[in-house]
Amino acid sequence: MNYFKALIAGEKAISSTEVMHRYQISSTTSIFRSKAVLIKNDILDNKASEISFQDPIYAYWSKTEFFAK
C-alpha cells in the first residue's frame, strides 16, 4: 500500500532512501513485489520500463478520494 501511495503522489525515484523513508517502504524487494502484483492485477502498466496507471480515472479517484482521508 505504501508503494501505491508513493505512485499516487507522483514520486519518480521510489527506491531512493528519502522516498522509502517518507512512505515507510521497508525494502527495495517490497517495491518489486508490490509493483509485480499491481501489474499482474492490471492496475499498473509497464511499457518501455515506465510505470503508469492503466486507468487514469482510477488513479485520480485513488488520489482524491481514497488517500485524501
N, C-alpha and C. Protein backbone atom coordinates (compact mmCIF):
# COMPACT_ATOMS: atom_id res chain seq x y z
N MET A 1 0.83 -1.19 0.00
CA MET A 1 0.00 0.00 0.00
C MET A 1 0.88 1.26 0.00
N ASN A 2 2.01 1.20 0.68
CA ASN A 2 2.88 2.37 0.74
C ASN A 2 3.50 2.67 -0.62
N TYR A 3 3.82 1.63 -1.37
CA TYR A 3 4.32 1.83 -2.73
C TYR A 3 3.26 2.51 -3.58
N PHE A 4 2.02 2.07 -3.43
CA PHE A 4 0.90 2.65 -4.17
C PHE A 4 0.73 4.12 -3.81
N LYS A 5 0.86 4.45 -2.53
CA LYS A 5 0.77 5.85 -2.09
C LYS A 5 1.85 6.70 -2.76
N ALA A 6 3.05 6.17 -2.82
CA ALA A 6 4.15 6.91 -3.45
C ALA A 6 3.87 7.14 -4.93
N LEU A 7 3.33 6.14 -5.60
CA LEU A 7 2.97 6.30 -7.02
C LEU A 7 1.90 7.37 -7.21
N ILE A 8 0.88 7.29 -6.39
CA ILE A 8 -0.22 8.26 -6.47
C ILE A 8 0.30 9.68 -6.23
N ALA A 9 1.27 9.81 -5.35
CA ALA A 9 1.83 11.13 -5.04
C ALA A 9 2.73 11.65 -6.16
N GLY A 10 3.03 10.79 -7.15
CA GLY A 10 3.84 11.22 -8.28
C GLY A 10 5.33 11.06 -8.09
N GLU A 11 5.73 10.29 -7.11
CA GLU A 11 7.15 10.06 -6.88
C GLU A 11 7.75 9.29 -8.04
N LYS A 12 8.91 9.70 -8.48
CA LYS A 12 9.60 9.04 -9.61
C LYS A 12 10.70 8.09 -9.13
N ALA A 13 11.47 8.51 -8.14
CA ALA A 13 12.58 7.70 -7.62
C ALA A 13 12.14 7.00 -6.34
N ILE A 14 11.22 6.07 -6.47
CA ILE A 14 10.63 5.43 -5.30
C ILE A 14 11.65 4.61 -4.52
N SER A 15 12.63 4.08 -5.19
CA SER A 15 13.63 3.27 -4.48
C SER A 15 14.72 4.11 -3.82
N SER A 16 14.62 5.42 -3.88
CA SER A 16 15.60 6.25 -3.19
C SER A 16 15.35 6.19 -1.69
N THR A 17 16.38 6.35 -0.92
CA THR A 17 16.29 6.26 0.53
C THR A 17 15.30 7.26 1.10
N GLU A 18 15.32 8.46 0.59
CA GLU A 18 14.43 9.52 1.08
C GLU A 18 12.96 9.15 0.88
N VAL A 19 12.62 8.70 -0.32
CA VAL A 19 11.23 8.35 -0.63
C VAL A 19 10.80 7.12 0.16
N MET A 20 11.68 6.14 0.25
CA MET A 20 11.36 4.93 1.01
C MET A 20 11.10 5.27 2.48
N HIS A 21 11.87 6.19 3.02
CA HIS A 21 11.67 6.60 4.41
C HIS A 21 10.36 7.38 4.55
N ARG A 22 10.10 8.30 3.64
CA ARG A 22 8.90 9.14 3.69
C ARG A 22 7.62 8.30 3.64
N TYR A 23 7.61 7.26 2.84
CA TYR A 23 6.42 6.42 2.68
C TYR A 23 6.51 5.11 3.47
N GLN A 24 7.50 4.99 4.31
CA GLN A 24 7.70 3.83 5.18
C GLN A 24 7.72 2.52 4.39
N ILE A 25 8.47 2.52 3.30
CA ILE A 25 8.67 1.31 2.50
C ILE A 25 9.89 0.60 3.07
N SER A 26 9.71 -0.67 3.40
CA SER A 26 10.75 -1.37 4.15
C SER A 26 11.98 -1.73 3.34
N SER A 27 11.81 -2.10 2.06
CA SER A 27 12.97 -2.51 1.27
C SER A 27 12.66 -2.41 -0.22
N THR A 28 13.71 -2.47 -1.02
CA THR A 28 13.50 -2.45 -2.47
C THR A 28 12.82 -3.74 -2.93
N THR A 29 13.00 -4.82 -2.18
CA THR A 29 12.32 -6.07 -2.51
C THR A 29 10.81 -5.90 -2.41
N SER A 30 10.35 -5.18 -1.40
CA SER A 30 8.91 -4.96 -1.27
C SER A 30 8.38 -4.08 -2.40
N ILE A 31 9.21 -3.18 -2.90
CA ILE A 31 8.81 -2.36 -4.05
C ILE A 31 8.60 -3.25 -5.27
N PHE A 32 9.55 -4.14 -5.53
CA PHE A 32 9.44 -5.02 -6.69
C PHE A 32 8.25 -5.96 -6.57
N ARG A 33 7.99 -6.47 -5.37
CA ARG A 33 6.83 -7.35 -5.17
C ARG A 33 5.53 -6.59 -5.38
N SER A 34 5.44 -5.40 -4.80
CA SER A 34 4.23 -4.59 -4.94
C SER A 34 3.98 -4.24 -6.39
N LYS A 35 5.03 -3.84 -7.08
CA LYS A 35 4.91 -3.49 -8.49
C LYS A 35 4.43 -4.68 -9.31
N ALA A 36 4.98 -5.85 -9.05
CA ALA A 36 4.59 -7.06 -9.79
C ALA A 36 3.13 -7.40 -9.57
N VAL A 37 2.66 -7.27 -8.33
CA VAL A 37 1.26 -7.56 -8.03
C VAL A 37 0.34 -6.56 -8.72
N LEU A 38 0.69 -5.29 -8.68
CA LEU A 38 -0.15 -4.27 -9.31
C LEU A 38 -0.17 -4.42 -10.84
N ILE A 39 0.92 -4.84 -11.42
CA ILE A 39 0.94 -5.10 -12.87
C ILE A 39 0.11 -6.33 -13.20
N LYS A 40 0.26 -7.37 -12.40
CA LYS A 40 -0.48 -8.61 -12.61
C LYS A 40 -1.99 -8.38 -12.51
N ASN A 41 -2.41 -7.50 -11.61
CA ASN A 41 -3.83 -7.22 -11.40
C ASN A 41 -4.35 -6.11 -12.30
N ASP A 42 -3.58 -5.75 -13.31
CA ASP A 42 -3.97 -4.75 -14.31
C ASP A 42 -4.28 -3.37 -13.74
N ILE A 43 -3.59 -3.01 -12.69
CA ILE A 43 -3.71 -1.66 -12.15
C ILE A 43 -2.62 -0.78 -12.75
N LEU A 44 -1.42 -1.34 -12.85
CA LEU A 44 -0.30 -0.61 -13.44
C LEU A 44 0.07 -1.23 -14.78
N ASP A 45 0.73 -0.42 -15.59
CA ASP A 45 1.23 -0.87 -16.88
C ASP A 45 2.73 -0.56 -16.92
N ASN A 46 3.51 -1.48 -17.44
CA ASN A 46 4.95 -1.30 -17.51
C ASN A 46 5.38 -1.34 -18.97
N LYS A 47 5.28 -0.22 -19.64
CA LYS A 47 5.69 -0.13 -21.04
C LYS A 47 6.97 0.69 -21.12
N ALA A 48 7.93 0.16 -21.84
CA ALA A 48 9.22 0.83 -22.04
C ALA A 48 9.86 1.20 -20.70
N SER A 49 9.72 0.29 -19.73
CA SER A 49 10.29 0.48 -18.39
C SER A 49 9.75 1.71 -17.67
N GLU A 50 8.58 2.16 -18.06
CA GLU A 50 7.94 3.28 -17.38
C GLU A 50 6.62 2.80 -16.80
N ILE A 51 6.45 3.01 -15.52
CA ILE A 51 5.24 2.59 -14.83
C ILE A 51 4.17 3.66 -14.98
N SER A 52 2.98 3.22 -15.35
CA SER A 52 1.84 4.14 -15.45
C SER A 52 0.58 3.39 -15.06
N PHE A 53 -0.46 4.13 -14.76
CA PHE A 53 -1.74 3.53 -14.42
C PHE A 53 -2.48 3.17 -15.69
N GLN A 54 -3.09 1.99 -15.70
CA GLN A 54 -3.86 1.59 -16.87
C GLN A 54 -5.14 2.41 -16.98
N ASP A 55 -5.68 2.80 -15.85
CA ASP A 55 -6.90 3.59 -15.83
C ASP A 55 -6.64 4.91 -15.11
N PRO A 56 -6.51 6.01 -15.84
CA PRO A 56 -6.21 7.29 -15.20
C PRO A 56 -7.33 7.76 -14.26
N ILE A 57 -8.56 7.33 -14.51
CA ILE A 57 -9.66 7.69 -13.63
C ILE A 57 -9.48 7.02 -12.26
N TYR A 58 -9.02 5.78 -12.27
CA TYR A 58 -8.75 5.07 -11.01
C TYR A 58 -7.63 5.78 -10.24
N ALA A 59 -6.61 6.20 -10.93
CA ALA A 59 -5.51 6.92 -10.29
C ALA A 59 -6.02 8.22 -9.68
N TYR A 60 -6.86 8.94 -10.41
CA TYR A 60 -7.44 10.20 -9.91
C TYR A 60 -8.31 9.93 -8.68
N TRP A 61 -9.17 8.91 -8.76
CA TRP A 61 -10.04 8.57 -7.64
C TRP A 61 -9.21 8.19 -6.42
N SER A 62 -8.17 7.40 -6.62
CA SER A 62 -7.32 6.99 -5.51
C SER A 62 -6.69 8.19 -4.82
N LYS A 63 -6.26 9.13 -5.62
CA LYS A 63 -5.59 10.32 -5.07
C LYS A 63 -6.57 11.25 -4.36
N THR A 64 -7.73 11.48 -4.96
CA THR A 64 -8.66 12.47 -4.41
C THR A 64 -9.63 11.92 -3.38
N GLU A 65 -9.94 10.64 -3.45
CA GLU A 65 -10.93 10.08 -2.53
C GLU A 65 -10.33 9.10 -1.52
N PHE A 66 -9.60 8.12 -2.00
CA PHE A 66 -9.11 7.06 -1.13
C PHE A 66 -8.01 7.53 -0.20
N PHE A 67 -7.00 8.20 -0.73
CA PHE A 67 -5.87 8.64 0.08
C PHE A 67 -6.05 10.03 0.66
N ALA A 68 -7.10 10.73 0.28
CA ALA A 68 -7.33 12.08 0.79
C ALA A 68 -7.85 12.07 2.21
N LYS A 69 -8.32 10.93 2.67
CA LYS A 69 -8.92 10.86 4.02
C LYS A 69 -7.91 10.66 5.09
